[in-house]
Amino acid sequence: MESWRIEVNRAILMSLAPSTQLAYHRSWRVFQRFVASMGVPEEWPIPVDVILRFAVHLKETGLSVRTIRGRIAALAFYSRARGFMDNTSDFRVRRVLEGWAREAPPLPDSRLPVSEVVLQRILPTLSAICSTPFETVLFQTAFTVAFFAATRISELLPKSKSDKSQRAIQVDDITIGEKGVLPMVWIIGHSIVFWAERHAIFSNRGTDLGLSAVATIRWAGRRGMLWGAFLPRVIEMAAEGTPPDVILIHLGENDLVRMPGLQLVGRMTSDLHQLRRRFPQATILWTRLLPRRAWPGARSESAINAARRHVNRDITRNLAWIGGRAVSHRDIRVELPDLFRGDGVHLSPRGCDLYLDEMSRAIGGSISDRAGGGRSGQAGLAPSCGGNGQPCH
């Protein structure tokens, strides 16, 4: 064979993944043995009748339709690679495979995906299975890296001891940060949080709020969310993944038009105490209720604003009792209409920018405090409110 043809065949074969090359090679060997056993001469392009006889033979040996399709795919590849017509795409071949698939549809996969919660349950059990502490740490590390890096087995491990391809993860591919695992921050709230997250995405400022080096932020904004949905959402999030080190809450405005301020304060205070018991080491931040240019459903805007100020004052004080803090957005005022959308409720892009800036400062300051940095970065944080006669905006 001419050298250029050899190179073309080699390049075509290399276009396949190594695992596919191996599978096709095995399928081709099976086909060659079948042809030899039937006394059929090798013929190109492969006749449709031969392909159909081969498919029936594979089914009679008990192979699944999926495996048969893989064998037929190998014939298609080699036919095309040699420049011949691909008779595996013939109407009869396709319909036969489809008919078998309908006769025995695949069973649904009963295996559950491995979630972070499942991983946390698996890791402690390895010590009862592994023979040495080294093996335990080895497999715990492998499972953890595979989960968070979303790797296949072939990407995580070499094929053999002699494999020098460096396709698997190498030591040089892994960086261990000086600070270890970053603090987890939850941001939970109604539509203000929902739209702020989207503004952060589409304005290219990023949902990490400029804190990617010091924190991992998880957003949980839900449009129209009321305070009553807060604890159930916390329970859901706790079951789904890493517990929080910092929780920032922005809820309450939607409830003001549905219940008296005093009743809302009582409910919020009770739930915040439950939150503290559930996460005793977490820093709890609560955004003071923002002013609005319109309060849909309210009988009196002046009464609603009075209730809003009382809730801000009382919750700020009650938060201090459990070691929490309130976050003020003093730059967001009704006197500045360009900070609001036309509905007078939601924030405009400029309003979202101010809102996100304050959130970033509040979260960054709290993380600094947790690291022992003192009361740095406290812009917007209010440990007390109204005690000196100053109004809570």
Protein backbone atom coordinates (compact mmCIF):
# COMPACT_ATOMS: atom_id res chain seq x y z
CA MET A 1 0.00 0.00 0.00
CA GLU A 2 1.25 3.46 -0.85
CA SER A 3 2.64 5.48 2.05
CA TRP A 4 0.11 8.28 1.72
CA ARG A 5 -2.76 5.80 2.01
CA ILE A 6 -1.20 4.35 5.13
CA GLU A 7 -1.01 7.83 6.66
CA VAL A 8 -4.62 8.60 5.70
CA ASN A 9 -5.86 5.37 7.31
CA ARG A 10 -3.83 6.07 10.42
CA ALA A 11 -5.17 9.61 10.73
CA ILE A 12 -8.77 8.45 10.25
CA LEU A 13 -8.32 5.87 12.98
CA MET A 14 -6.77 8.45 15.31
CA SER A 15 -9.87 10.61 14.92
CA LEU A 16 -11.55 8.18 17.30
CA ALA A 17 -11.12 8.19 21.04
CA PRO A 18 -8.82 5.39 22.28
CA SER A 19 -11.73 3.56 23.91
CA THR A 20 -13.77 3.78 20.68
CA GLN A 21 -10.82 2.50 18.64
CA LEU A 22 -10.59 -0.52 20.89
CA ALA A 23 -14.35 -1.17 20.78
CA TYR A 24 -14.48 -0.92 16.98
CA HIS A 25 -11.44 -3.19 16.60
CA ARG A 26 -13.09 -5.85 18.77
CA SER A 27 -16.37 -5.53 16.84
CA TRP A 28 -14.55 -5.91 13.54
CA ARG A 29 -12.83 -9.08 14.77
CA VAL A 30 -16.23 -10.48 15.79
CA PHE A 31 -17.59 -9.68 12.33
CA GLN A 32 -14.61 -11.33 10.60
CA ARG A 33 -15.10 -14.51 12.66
CA PHE A 34 -18.81 -14.52 11.79
CA VAL A 35 -18.12 -14.13 8.06
CA ALA A 36 -15.54 -16.91 8.19
CA SER A 37 -17.90 -19.26 10.03
CA MET A 38 -20.64 -18.65 7.43
CA GLY A 39 -18.28 -19.23 4.51
CA VAL A 40 -19.11 -15.80 3.11
CA PRO A 41 -16.27 -14.10 1.19
CA GLU A 42 -15.16 -10.62 2.29
CA GLU A 43 -16.87 -8.14 0.03
CA TRP A 44 -16.89 -4.33 -0.16
CA PRO A 45 -19.19 -2.60 0.30
CA ILE A 46 -20.56 -5.04 2.82
CA PRO A 47 -23.85 -6.41 1.43
CA VAL A 48 -27.02 -5.50 3.32
CA ASP A 49 -27.95 -9.19 3.66
CA VAL A 50 -24.64 -9.93 5.38
CA ILE A 51 -25.17 -7.06 7.81
CA LEU A 52 -28.68 -8.29 8.60
CA ARG A 53 -27.48 -11.88 9.13
CA PHE A 54 -24.74 -10.57 11.42
CA ALA A 55 -27.25 -8.53 13.43
CA VAL A 56 -29.58 -11.54 13.84
CA HIS A 57 -26.61 -13.68 14.90
CA LEU A 58 -25.68 -11.13 17.58
CA LYS A 59 -29.26 -11.03 18.89
CA GLU A 60 -29.39 -14.82 19.07
CA THR A 61 -26.26 -14.78 21.25
CA GLY A 62 -28.18 -12.69 23.78
CA LEU A 63 -26.61 -9.29 23.20
CA SER A 64 -28.63 -6.17 23.96
CA VAL A 65 -29.82 -3.85 21.21
CA ARG A 66 -27.41 -1.22 22.48
CA THR A 67 -24.45 -3.59 22.05
CA ILE A 68 -25.65 -4.66 18.60
CA ARG A 69 -25.84 -1.00 17.55
CA GLY A 70 -22.22 -0.61 18.67
CA ARG A 71 -21.14 -3.59 16.56
CA ILE A 72 -22.99 -2.22 13.52
CA ALA A 73 -21.45 1.22 14.07
CA ALA A 74 -18.01 -0.36 13.72
CA LEU A 75 -18.99 -1.75 10.30
CA ALA A 76 -20.20 1.71 9.29
CA PHE A 77 -16.92 3.30 10.32
CA TYR A 78 -14.70 0.82 8.48
CA SER A 79 -16.89 1.04 5.35
CA ARG A 80 -16.62 4.81 5.22
CA ALA A 81 -12.93 4.79 6.15
CA ARG A 82 -12.25 2.62 3.10
CA GLY A 83 -14.32 4.88 0.84
CA PHE A 84 -17.21 2.46 0.33
CA MET A 85 -20.94 2.95 0.67
CA ASP A 86 -22.25 2.55 4.22
CA ASN A 87 -24.95 -0.09 3.91
CA THR A 88 -25.62 -0.07 7.65
CA SER A 89 -27.83 2.97 7.02
CA ASP A 90 -30.09 0.90 4.79
CA PHE A 91 -33.80 1.14 5.61
CA ARG A 92 -34.03 -2.54 6.59
CA VAL A 93 -31.06 -2.41 8.97
CA ARG A 94 -32.35 0.71 10.68
CA ARG A 95 -35.88 -0.67 11.04
CA VAL A 96 -34.72 -4.03 12.38
CA LEU A 97 -32.73 -2.33 15.12
CA GLU A 98 -35.62 0.01 15.90
CA GLY A 99 -38.06 -2.92 16.06
CA TRP A 100 -35.86 -4.82 18.51
CA ALA A 101 -35.50 -1.69 20.62
CA ARG A 102 -39.29 -1.32 20.82
CA GLU A 103 -39.69 -4.98 21.76
CA ALA A 104 -37.35 -4.64 24.72
CA PRO A 105 -37.16 -0.98 25.79
CA PRO A 106 -34.27 -0.24 28.15
CA LEU A 107 -35.07 -0.33 31.83
CA PRO A 108 -34.96 3.03 33.61
CA ASP A 109 -31.72 3.67 35.44
CA SER A 110 -32.48 3.06 39.12
CA ARG A 111 -29.16 4.46 40.29
CA LEU A 112 -29.33 7.76 42.13
CA PRO A 113 -26.77 10.47 41.42
CA VAL A 114 -24.11 11.10 44.05
CA SER A 115 -24.95 14.42 45.71
CA GLU A 116 -22.74 16.32 48.13
CA VAL A 117 -24.84 14.97 51.02
CA VAL A 118 -24.34 11.38 49.79
CA LEU A 119 -20.60 12.01 49.42
CA GLN A 120 -20.43 13.24 53.02
CA ARG A 121 -22.06 9.98 54.13
CA ILE A 122 -19.73 7.81 52.03
CA LEU A 123 -16.40 9.27 53.14
CA PRO A 124 -16.59 8.25 56.86
CA THR A 125 -17.49 4.65 55.95
CA LEU A 126 -14.25 4.08 54.00
CA SER A 127 -12.29 3.51 57.20
CA ALA A 128 -14.34 0.34 57.77
CA ILE A 129 -13.52 -0.95 54.28
CA CYS A 130 -9.91 0.05 53.69
CA SER A 131 -7.08 -1.96 55.22
CA THR A 132 -4.83 0.94 56.25
CA PRO A 133 -5.23 4.62 57.20
CA PHE A 134 -3.28 5.50 54.06
CA GLU A 135 -5.82 3.68 51.88
CA THR A 136 -8.65 5.46 53.67
CA VAL A 137 -7.18 8.90 52.99
CA LEU A 138 -6.28 7.86 49.43
CA PHE A 139 -9.84 6.85 48.54
CA GLN A 140 -11.39 9.78 50.41
CA THR A 141 -9.21 12.12 48.39
CA ALA A 142 -9.99 10.32 45.12
CA PHE A 143 -13.74 10.41 45.76
CA THR A 144 -13.66 14.07 46.73
CA VAL A 145 -11.58 15.16 43.74
CA ALA A 146 -13.72 13.09 41.35
CA PHE A 147 -16.91 14.65 42.71
CA PHE A 148 -15.91 18.30 42.76
CA ALA A 149 -13.83 18.15 39.57
CA ALA A 150 -16.55 16.12 37.78
CA THR A 151 -13.97 13.74 36.31
CA ARG A 152 -14.35 10.40 34.61
CA ILE A 153 -12.39 7.45 35.98
CA SER A 154 -10.07 7.64 32.95
CA GLU A 155 -9.36 11.30 33.77
CA LEU A 156 -8.66 10.59 37.42
CA LEU A 157 -6.59 7.39 37.22
CA PRO A 158 -3.90 6.08 34.82
CA LYS A 159 -4.67 2.97 32.78
CA SER A 160 -1.83 1.02 34.41
CA LYS A 161 1.34 1.44 36.43
CA SER A 162 3.29 1.83 33.23
CA ASP A 163 0.97 4.46 31.73
CA LYS A 164 3.06 7.57 31.07
CA SER A 165 0.56 9.46 28.92
CA GLN A 166 -0.22 11.92 31.76
CA ARG A 167 -3.87 11.93 30.71
CA ALA A 168 -4.91 11.35 34.32
CA ILE A 169 -4.80 14.15 36.89
CA GLN A 170 -1.23 14.94 37.92
CA VAL A 171 0.01 16.43 41.16
CA ASP A 172 0.90 19.60 39.27
CA ASP A 173 -2.75 19.96 38.22
CA ILE A 174 -3.92 20.44 41.81
CA THR A 175 -3.47 23.62 43.80
CA ILE A 176 -4.07 23.67 47.55
CA GLY A 177 -4.93 27.16 48.75
CA GLU A 178 -3.25 28.59 51.81
CA LYS A 179 -6.62 29.30 53.43
CA GLY A 180 -8.13 25.90 52.72
CA VAL A 181 -11.88 25.72 52.08
CA LEU A 182 -13.47 29.12 51.57
CA PRO A 183 -16.37 30.24 53.79
CA MET A 184 -19.83 29.49 52.40
CA VAL A 185 -22.20 32.44 52.10
CA TRP A 186 -25.94 32.05 51.57
CA ILE A 187 -27.95 34.99 50.21
CA ILE A 188 -31.68 34.35 50.65
CA GLY A 189 -34.43 36.75 49.70
CA HIS A 190 -37.31 37.86 47.52
CA SER A 191 -37.32 39.54 44.11
CA ILE A 192 -34.75 42.19 45.09
CA VAL A 193 -32.22 39.38 45.60
CA PHE A 194 -33.48 37.51 42.53
CA TRP A 195 -32.99 40.51 40.22
CA ALA A 196 -29.75 41.59 41.90
CA GLU A 197 -28.21 38.20 41.08
CA ARG A 198 -29.25 38.52 37.45
CA HIS A 199 -27.92 42.05 37.29
CA ALA A 200 -24.61 40.76 38.65
CA ILE A 201 -24.55 38.12 35.90
CA PHE A 202 -25.51 40.27 32.93
CA SER A 203 -23.52 43.33 33.98
CA ASN A 204 -20.38 41.13 34.10
CA ARG A 205 -19.60 42.19 37.65
CA GLY A 206 -20.00 38.55 38.73
CA THR A 207 -22.13 36.78 41.30
CA ASP A 208 -19.09 36.41 43.57
CA LEU A 209 -19.39 40.16 44.33
CA GLY A 210 -15.62 40.50 44.03
CA LEU A 211 -15.13 38.08 46.91
CA SER A 212 -14.06 34.95 45.00
CA ALA A 213 -10.73 34.87 46.84
CA VAL A 214 -12.34 34.79 50.28
CA ALA A 215 -15.81 33.22 49.93
CA THR A 216 -18.14 30.98 47.98
CA ILE A 217 -21.53 32.60 47.48
CA ARG A 218 -24.76 30.70 46.96
CA TRP A 219 -27.76 32.73 45.81
CA ALA A 220 -31.34 31.79 46.69
CA GLY A 221 -33.57 34.58 45.44
CA ARG A 222 -37.24 33.80 44.82
CA ARG A 223 -39.68 36.29 43.38
CA GLY A 224 -42.60 37.11 45.68
CA MET A 225 -41.05 35.23 48.59
CA LEU A 226 -42.62 35.86 52.01
CA TRP A 227 -41.02 35.43 55.42
CA GLY A 228 -42.99 32.23 56.04
CA ALA A 229 -41.01 30.48 53.29
CA PHE A 230 -37.66 31.37 54.87
CA LEU A 231 -37.06 28.48 57.30
CA PRO A 232 -38.35 25.82 54.86
CA ARG A 233 -35.92 27.18 52.26
CA VAL A 234 -33.07 27.07 54.79
CA ILE A 235 -33.86 23.43 55.56
CA GLU A 236 -33.84 22.60 51.83
CA MET A 237 -30.50 24.29 51.30
CA ALA A 238 -28.97 22.59 54.34
CA ALA A 239 -29.98 19.20 52.94
CA GLU A 240 -28.55 20.01 49.51
CA GLY A 241 -24.99 20.98 50.34
CA THR A 242 -22.40 22.75 52.46
CA PRO A 243 -23.73 24.52 55.59
CA PRO A 244 -23.30 28.30 55.70
CA ASP A 245 -20.67 30.34 57.46
CA VAL A 246 -22.51 33.57 56.64
CA ILE A 247 -26.25 33.95 55.97
CA LEU A 248 -27.53 37.19 54.46
CA ILE A 249 -31.33 37.54 54.51
CA HIS A 250 -33.43 40.08 52.66
CA LEU A 251 -37.10 39.44 53.42
CA GLY A 252 -39.99 41.29 55.02
CA GLU A 253 -41.21 44.01 52.67
CA ASN A 254 -43.73 41.72 50.98
CA ASP A 255 -45.16 40.79 54.38
CA LEU A 256 -45.80 44.38 55.50
CA VAL A 257 -48.95 44.66 53.39
CA ARG A 258 -50.24 41.32 54.73
CA MET A 259 -49.78 41.53 58.50
CA PRO A 260 -49.22 44.13 61.23
CA GLY A 261 -45.62 45.13 61.85
CA LEU A 262 -45.72 43.87 65.46
CA GLN A 263 -46.85 40.41 64.32
CA LEU A 264 -44.12 40.35 61.65
CA VAL A 265 -41.46 41.26 64.23
CA GLY A 266 -42.58 38.40 66.47
CA ARG A 267 -42.48 35.87 63.67
CA MET A 268 -39.13 37.05 62.34
CA THR A 269 -37.56 37.06 65.80
CA SER A 270 -38.75 33.52 66.51
CA ASP A 271 -37.40 32.22 63.20
CA LEU A 272 -34.07 34.00 63.65
CA HIS A 273 -33.65 32.29 67.03
CA GLN A 274 -34.35 28.94 65.34
CA LEU A 275 -31.79 29.81 62.69
CA ARG A 276 -29.21 30.54 65.37
CA ARG A 277 -29.86 27.19 67.05
CA ARG A 278 -29.53 25.38 63.71
CA PHE A 279 -26.29 27.18 62.76
CA PRO A 280 -24.68 28.32 66.02
CA GLN A 281 -21.36 29.28 64.39
CA ALA A 282 -22.77 31.15 61.39
CA THR A 283 -22.78 34.93 61.02
CA ILE A 284 -26.36 36.14 60.48
CA LEU A 285 -26.92 39.30 58.44
CA TRP A 286 -30.31 40.79 57.71
CA THR A 287 -30.96 43.58 55.23
CA ARG A 288 -33.16 46.30 56.69
CA LEU A 289 -36.42 46.70 54.83
CA LEU A 290 -35.86 48.98 51.88
CA PRO A 291 -38.05 52.01 51.12
CA ARG A 292 -40.31 51.82 48.07
CA ARG A 293 -41.82 54.46 45.88
CA ALA A 294 -44.99 52.39 45.73
CA TRP A 295 -46.56 49.78 48.01
CA PRO A 296 -49.11 47.80 45.94
CA GLY A 297 -51.93 46.53 48.15
CA ALA A 298 -51.26 48.96 51.00
CA ARG A 299 -54.13 51.10 52.31
CA SER A 300 -51.81 53.81 53.54
CA GLU A 301 -48.23 54.33 52.40
CA SER A 302 -47.48 56.48 55.43
CA ALA A 303 -48.64 53.69 57.74
CA ILE A 304 -46.58 51.12 55.84
CA ASN A 305 -43.47 53.30 56.09
CA ALA A 306 -44.03 53.76 59.81
CA ALA A 307 -44.34 49.99 60.22
CA ARG A 308 -41.20 49.49 58.11
CA ARG A 309 -39.18 51.78 60.40
CA HIS A 310 -40.45 49.98 63.52
CA VAL A 311 -39.60 46.57 62.07
CA ASN A 312 -36.11 47.79 61.16
CA ARG A 313 -35.56 49.11 64.66
CA ASP A 314 -36.89 46.05 66.51
CA ILE A 315 -35.24 43.37 64.34
CA THR A 316 -31.90 45.20 64.42
CA ARG A 317 -32.06 45.17 68.21
CA ASN A 318 -33.25 41.56 68.41
CA LEU A 319 -30.53 40.45 66.00
CA ALA A 320 -27.89 41.87 68.31
CA TRP A 321 -29.15 39.55 71.05
CA ILE A 322 -28.19 36.49 68.97
CA GLY A 323 -24.98 37.98 67.60
CA GLY A 324 -26.42 39.03 64.24
CA ARG A 325 -26.22 42.35 62.42
CA ALA A 326 -28.44 44.46 60.21
CA VAL A 327 -27.29 45.78 56.85
CA SER A 328 -28.34 49.31 55.88
CA HIS A 329 -28.65 50.57 52.32
CA ARG A 330 -28.61 54.27 53.15
CA ASP A 331 -27.95 55.33 49.57
CA ILE A 332 -31.21 53.80 48.34
CA ARG A 333 -33.84 56.50 48.98
CA VAL A 334 -37.25 57.23 47.52
CA GLU A 335 -36.06 60.76 46.74
CA LEU A 336 -33.89 59.24 43.99
CA PRO A 337 -36.35 57.88 41.41
CA ASP A 338 -33.59 56.70 39.07
CA LEU A 339 -32.73 53.99 41.61
CA PHE A 340 -36.09 52.31 41.03
CA ARG A 341 -37.89 50.75 38.12
CA GLY A 342 -41.12 52.20 36.86
CA ASP A 343 -43.16 50.08 39.29
CA GLY A 344 -41.55 51.88 42.22
CA VAL A 345 -40.80 48.52 43.90
CA HIS A 346 -37.85 46.91 42.16
CA LEU A 347 -34.42 48.44 41.76
CA SER A 348 -33.11 49.86 38.52
CA PRO A 349 -29.67 48.85 37.19
CA ARG A 350 -28.11 51.77 39.09
CA GLY A 351 -30.04 50.80 42.21
CA CYS A 352 -28.84 47.20 41.84
CA ASP A 353 -25.25 48.44 41.61
CA LEU A 354 -25.57 50.31 44.92
CA TYR A 355 -27.34 47.34 46.48
CA LEU A 356 -24.65 44.86 45.40
CA ASP A 357 -21.84 47.18 46.51
CA GLU A 358 -23.31 47.31 50.03
CA MET A 359 -23.84 43.55 50.13
CA SER A 360 -20.24 42.99 49.10
CA ARG A 361 -18.98 45.28 51.86
CA ALA A 362 -21.21 43.66 54.48
CA ILE A 363 -20.25 40.09 53.55
CA GLY A 364 -16.56 40.96 53.21
CA GLY A 365 -16.55 42.66 56.61
CA SER A 366 -18.23 39.66 58.24
CA ILE A 367 -15.72 37.24 56.74
CA SER A 368 -12.89 39.46 57.90
CA ASP A 369 -14.32 39.42 61.42
CA ARG A 370 -14.62 35.64 61.37
CA ALA A 371 -10.95 35.43 60.40
CA GLY A 372 -10.02 37.59 63.37
CA GLY A 373 -9.64 40.84 61.47
CA GLY A 374 -11.53 42.94 63.98
CA ARG A 375 -14.40 45.24 62.96
CA SER A 376 -13.01 46.03 59.56
CA GLY A 377 -15.16 46.56 56.53
CA GLN A 378 -18.18 47.54 58.61
CA ALA A 379 -19.72 50.02 56.17
CA GLY A 380 -23.43 49.35 56.12
CA LEU A 381 -23.45 47.09 59.20
CA ALA A 382 -25.51 48.31 62.13
CA PRO A 383 -25.16 46.52 65.48
CA SER A 384 -27.72 48.82 67.03
CA CYS A 385 -30.52 51.04 65.83
CA GLY A 386 -32.56 53.76 67.42
CA GLY A 387 -30.84 53.60 70.77
CA ASN A 388 -29.61 57.16 70.49
CA GLY A 389 -32.81 58.51 69.06
CA GLN A 390 -31.66 58.21 65.45
CA PRO A 391 -34.30 56.94 63.03
CA CYS A 392 -33.96 53.55 61.27
CA HIS A 393 -34.29 54.30 57.58
